[in-house]
Amino acid sequence: MGGKKEAAIYECTCCDQPYELKLQLCPICITQKIIRGKWKLVILWLLKDGEKRFSYLQKSITQVKQGYLTNQLRELENDGLINRTSYNTVPPRVEYSLSKAGIDFLSVMKSMNMWGKKYIDSSTESNNV
């Protein structure tokens, strides 16, 4: 795990919030720092069904620029949420999959998915009234 993880934890421990508030907020704050980025949650969700190649991810997220996708994948790898497997073939082949931490995070994402569906349904219902 790279220096970014340690930087996020250090930033949280140096936060000037009162100690009791830090105990409540630090886990949420660190989680937010790790998953921030426009496409990280989408990438993790696409990887839930198994290994995917870069080209698949790029085609699935049509709005993302190649360089930004590469950056998001690097950050997820550095934070330990995904694995990157590089094959020594011509042309080069790289596949991404969820790590143990990424698989653990799926339960959070499933809850987010359920909440999002309820939110959409309630918004749709209130617009139909």
C-alpha atoms as a PDB file:
ATOM      1  CA  MET A   1       0.000   0.000   0.000  1.00  0.00           C
ATOM      2  CA  GLY A   2       1.340   3.350  -1.020  1.00  0.00           C
ATOM      3  CA  GLY A   3       2.021   6.614   0.695  1.00  0.00           C
ATOM      4  CA  LYS A   4      -1.440   7.951  -0.140  1.00  0.00           C
ATOM      5  CA  LYS A   5      -3.046   5.640   2.419  1.00  0.00           C
ATOM      6  CA  GLU A   6      -0.653   6.778   5.122  1.00  0.00           C
ATOM      7  CA  ALA A   7      -1.217  10.412   4.092  1.00  0.00           C
ATOM      8  CA  ALA A   8      -4.998  10.057   4.490  1.00  0.00           C
ATOM      9  CA  ILE A   9      -4.612   8.485   7.924  1.00  0.00           C
ATOM     10  CA  TYR A  10      -2.050  11.106   8.979  1.00  0.00           C
ATOM     11  CA  GLU A  11      -4.316  13.908   7.765  1.00  0.00           C
ATOM     12  CA  CYS A  12      -7.120  12.506   9.895  1.00  0.00           C
ATOM     13  CA  THR A  13      -4.987  12.106  13.016  1.00  0.00           C
ATOM     14  CA  CYS A  14      -3.743  15.697  12.664  1.00  0.00           C
ATOM     15  CA  CYS A  15      -7.255  17.063  12.230  1.00  0.00           C
ATOM     16  CA  ASP A  16      -8.091  19.829  14.708  1.00  0.00           C
ATOM     17  CA  GLN A  17     -11.520  18.437  15.590  1.00  0.00           C
ATOM     18  CA  PRO A  18     -12.152  17.637  19.268  1.00  0.00           C
ATOM     19  CA  TYR A  19     -11.053  14.104  20.191  1.00  0.00           C
ATOM     20  CA  GLU A  20     -14.598  12.748  20.728  1.00  0.00           C
ATOM     21  CA  LEU A  21     -15.711  14.070  17.344  1.00  0.00           C
ATOM     22  CA  LYS A  22     -12.608  12.593  15.679  1.00  0.00           C
ATOM     23  CA  LEU A  23     -13.523   9.168  17.061  1.00  0.00           C
ATOM     24  CA  GLN A  24     -16.861   9.457  15.289  1.00  0.00           C
ATOM     25  CA  LEU A  25     -15.714  11.086  12.051  1.00  0.00           C
ATOM     26  CA  CYS A  26     -12.280   9.647  11.236  1.00  0.00           C
ATOM     27  CA  PRO A  27     -13.515   6.344   9.768  1.00  0.00           C
ATOM     28  CA  ILE A  28     -16.050   8.169   7.578  1.00  0.00           C
ATOM     29  CA  CYS A  29     -13.511  10.812   6.577  1.00  0.00           C
ATOM     30  CA  ILE A  30     -10.883   8.231   5.600  1.00  0.00           C
ATOM     31  CA  THR A  31     -13.444   6.236   3.611  1.00  0.00           C
ATOM     32  CA  GLN A  32     -14.481   9.396   1.801  1.00  0.00           C
ATOM     33  CA  LYS A  33     -10.852  10.228   0.979  1.00  0.00           C
ATOM     34  CA  ILE A  34     -10.231   6.757  -0.429  1.00  0.00           C
ATOM     35  CA  ILE A  35     -13.308   6.626  -2.676  1.00  0.00           C
ATOM     36  CA  ARG A  36     -13.382  10.257  -3.765  1.00  0.00           C
ATOM     37  CA  GLY A  37     -13.043  10.636  -7.473  1.00  0.00           C
ATOM     38  CA  LYS A  38     -15.759  10.805 -10.069  1.00  0.00           C
ATOM     39  CA  TRP A  39     -15.453   7.211 -11.317  1.00  0.00           C
ATOM     40  CA  LYS A  40     -14.027   5.155  -8.442  1.00  0.00           C
ATOM     41  CA  LEU A  41     -17.354   3.799  -7.223  1.00  0.00           C
ATOM     42  CA  VAL A  42     -18.404   2.978 -10.788  1.00  0.00           C
ATOM     43  CA  ILE A  43     -15.108   1.149 -11.376  1.00  0.00           C
ATOM     44  CA  LEU A  44     -15.516  -0.876  -8.184  1.00  0.00           C
ATOM     45  CA  TRP A  45     -19.101  -1.742  -9.118  1.00  0.00           C
ATOM     46  CA  LEU A  46     -18.031  -2.903 -12.597  1.00  0.00           C
ATOM     47  CA  LEU A  47     -15.363  -5.142 -11.029  1.00  0.00           C
ATOM     48  CA  LYS A  48     -17.826  -6.844  -8.671  1.00  0.00           C
ATOM     49  CA  ASP A  49     -18.444  -9.642 -11.190  1.00  0.00           C
ATOM     50  CA  GLY A  50     -14.778 -10.463 -11.784  1.00  0.00           C
ATOM     51  CA  GLU A  51     -11.646  -9.409 -13.652  1.00  0.00           C
ATOM     52  CA  LYS A  52     -12.027  -6.773 -16.326  1.00  0.00           C
ATOM     53  CA  ARG A  53      -9.603  -5.407 -18.893  1.00  0.00           C
ATOM     54  CA  PHE A  54      -8.873  -1.707 -19.200  1.00  0.00           C
ATOM     55  CA  SER A  55     -10.667  -1.562 -22.548  1.00  0.00           C
ATOM     56  CA  TYR A  56     -13.845  -2.997 -20.998  1.00  0.00           C
ATOM     57  CA  LEU A  57     -13.806  -0.381 -18.243  1.00  0.00           C
ATOM     58  CA  GLN A  58     -13.181   2.389 -20.754  1.00  0.00           C
ATOM     59  CA  LYS A  59     -16.046   1.237 -23.001  1.00  0.00           C
ATOM     60  CA  SER A  60     -18.373   0.870 -20.009  1.00  0.00           C
ATOM     61  CA  ILE A  61     -17.688   4.400 -18.757  1.00  0.00           C
ATOM     62  CA  THR A  62     -17.932   6.272 -22.031  1.00  0.00           C
ATOM     63  CA  GLN A  63     -17.597   9.740 -20.472  1.00  0.00           C
ATOM     64  CA  VAL A  64     -14.193   9.088 -18.872  1.00  0.00           C
ATOM     65  CA  LYS A  65     -10.944  10.143 -20.545  1.00  0.00           C
ATOM     66  CA  GLN A  66      -8.234   7.465 -20.791  1.00  0.00           C
ATOM     67  CA  GLY A  67      -5.755   9.352 -18.598  1.00  0.00           C
ATOM     68  CA  TYR A  68      -8.328   9.995 -15.883  1.00  0.00           C
ATOM     69  CA  LEU A  69      -9.394   6.332 -15.856  1.00  0.00           C
ATOM     70  CA  THR A  70      -5.746   5.293 -15.571  1.00  0.00           C
ATOM     71  CA  ASN A  71      -5.298   7.677 -12.641  1.00  0.00           C
ATOM     72  CA  GLN A  72      -8.423   6.419 -10.853  1.00  0.00           C
ATOM     73  CA  LEU A  73      -7.304   2.800 -11.313  1.00  0.00           C
ATOM     74  CA  ARG A  74      -3.822   3.623  -9.958  1.00  0.00           C
ATOM     75  CA  GLU A  75      -5.306   5.294  -6.890  1.00  0.00           C
ATOM     76  CA  LEU A  76      -7.628   2.358  -6.227  1.00  0.00           C
ATOM     77  CA  GLU A  77      -4.666   0.000  -6.566  1.00  0.00           C
ATOM     78  CA  ASN A  78      -2.493   2.133  -4.256  1.00  0.00           C
ATOM     79  CA  ASP A  79      -5.288   2.199  -1.676  1.00  0.00           C
ATOM     80  CA  GLY A  80      -5.557  -1.585  -1.831  1.00  0.00           C
ATOM     81  CA  LEU A  81      -9.090  -1.831  -3.242  1.00  0.00           C
ATOM     82  CA  ILE A  82      -8.145  -3.420  -6.571  1.00  0.00           C
ATOM     83  CA  ASN A  83      -5.475  -5.703  -7.984  1.00  0.00           C
ATOM     84  CA  ARG A  84      -3.725  -5.060 -11.277  1.00  0.00           C
ATOM     85  CA  THR A  85      -2.444  -8.096 -13.183  1.00  0.00           C
ATOM     86  CA  SER A  86      -0.145  -7.480 -16.108  1.00  0.00           C
ATOM     87  CA  TYR A  87       0.446 -10.250 -18.661  1.00  0.00           C
ATOM     88  CA  ASN A  88       3.643 -10.376 -20.710  1.00  0.00           C
ATOM     89  CA  THR A  89       1.949 -10.707 -24.092  1.00  0.00           C
ATOM     90  CA  VAL A  90       1.915  -8.828 -27.366  1.00  0.00           C
ATOM     91  CA  PRO A  91      -0.082  -6.659 -27.307  1.00  0.00           C
ATOM     92  CA  PRO A  92       0.235  -6.074 -23.546  1.00  0.00           C
ATOM     93  CA  ARG A  93      -2.745  -7.208 -21.495  1.00  0.00           C
ATOM     94  CA  VAL A  94      -3.730  -5.792 -18.111  1.00  0.00           C
ATOM     95  CA  GLU A  95      -6.655  -6.943 -16.003  1.00  0.00           C
ATOM     96  CA  TYR A  96      -8.144  -5.431 -12.880  1.00  0.00           C
ATOM     97  CA  SER A  97      -9.999  -7.217 -10.095  1.00  0.00           C
ATOM     98  CA  LEU A  98     -11.204  -6.463  -6.606  1.00  0.00           C
ATOM     99  CA  SER A  99      -8.777  -7.132  -3.773  1.00  0.00           C
ATOM    100  CA  LYS A 100      -9.914  -8.501  -0.409  1.00  0.00           C
ATOM    101  CA  ALA A 101     -10.511  -4.911   0.779  1.00  0.00           C
ATOM    102  CA  GLY A 102     -12.465  -4.176  -2.411  1.00  0.00           C
ATOM    103  CA  ILE A 103     -14.618  -7.267  -1.919  1.00  0.00           C
ATOM    104  CA  ASP A 104     -15.235  -6.191   1.691  1.00  0.00           C
ATOM    105  CA  PHE A 105     -16.262  -2.749   0.438  1.00  0.00           C
ATOM    106  CA  LEU A 106     -18.953  -4.282  -1.818  1.00  0.00           C
ATOM    107  CA  SER A 107     -21.286  -4.594   1.175  1.00  0.00           C
ATOM    108  CA  VAL A 108     -21.095  -0.806   1.566  1.00  0.00           C
ATOM    109  CA  MET A 109     -21.769  -0.362  -2.140  1.00  0.00           C
ATOM    110  CA  LYS A 110     -24.752  -2.736  -2.026  1.00  0.00           C
ATOM    111  CA  SER A 111     -26.212  -0.607   0.767  1.00  0.00           C
ATOM    112  CA  MET A 112     -25.550   2.516  -1.308  1.00  0.00           C
ATOM    113  CA  ASN A 113     -27.248   0.857  -4.285  1.00  0.00           C
ATOM    114  CA  MET A 114     -30.339   0.035  -2.234  1.00  0.00           C
ATOM    115  CA  TRP A 115     -30.455   3.550  -0.780  1.00  0.00           C
ATOM    116  CA  GLY A 116     -30.078   5.059  -4.265  1.00  0.00           C
ATOM    117  CA  LYS A 117     -32.941   2.965  -5.623  1.00  0.00           C
ATOM    118  CA  LYS A 118     -35.196   4.077  -2.747  1.00  0.00           C
ATOM    119  CA  TYR A 119     -34.184   7.679  -3.302  1.00  0.00           C
ATOM    120  CA  ILE A 120     -34.966   7.467  -7.014  1.00  0.00           C
ATOM    121  CA  ASP A 121     -38.310   5.785  -6.293  1.00  0.00           C
ATOM    122  CA  SER A 122     -39.290   8.429  -3.736  1.00  0.00           C
ATOM    123  CA  SER A 123     -38.269  11.213  -6.134  1.00  0.00           C
ATOM    124  CA  THR A 124     -40.286   9.630  -8.929  1.00  0.00           C
ATOM    125  CA  GLU A 125     -43.332   9.190  -6.666  1.00  0.00           C
ATOM    126  CA  SER A 126     -43.228  12.802  -5.481  1.00  0.00           C
ATOM    127  CA  ASN A 127     -43.017  14.023  -9.096  1.00  0.00           C
ATOM    128  CA  ASN A 128     -46.070  11.956 -10.066  1.00  0.00           C
ATOM    129  CA  VAL A 129     -48.291  13.527  -7.407  1.00  0.00           C
END
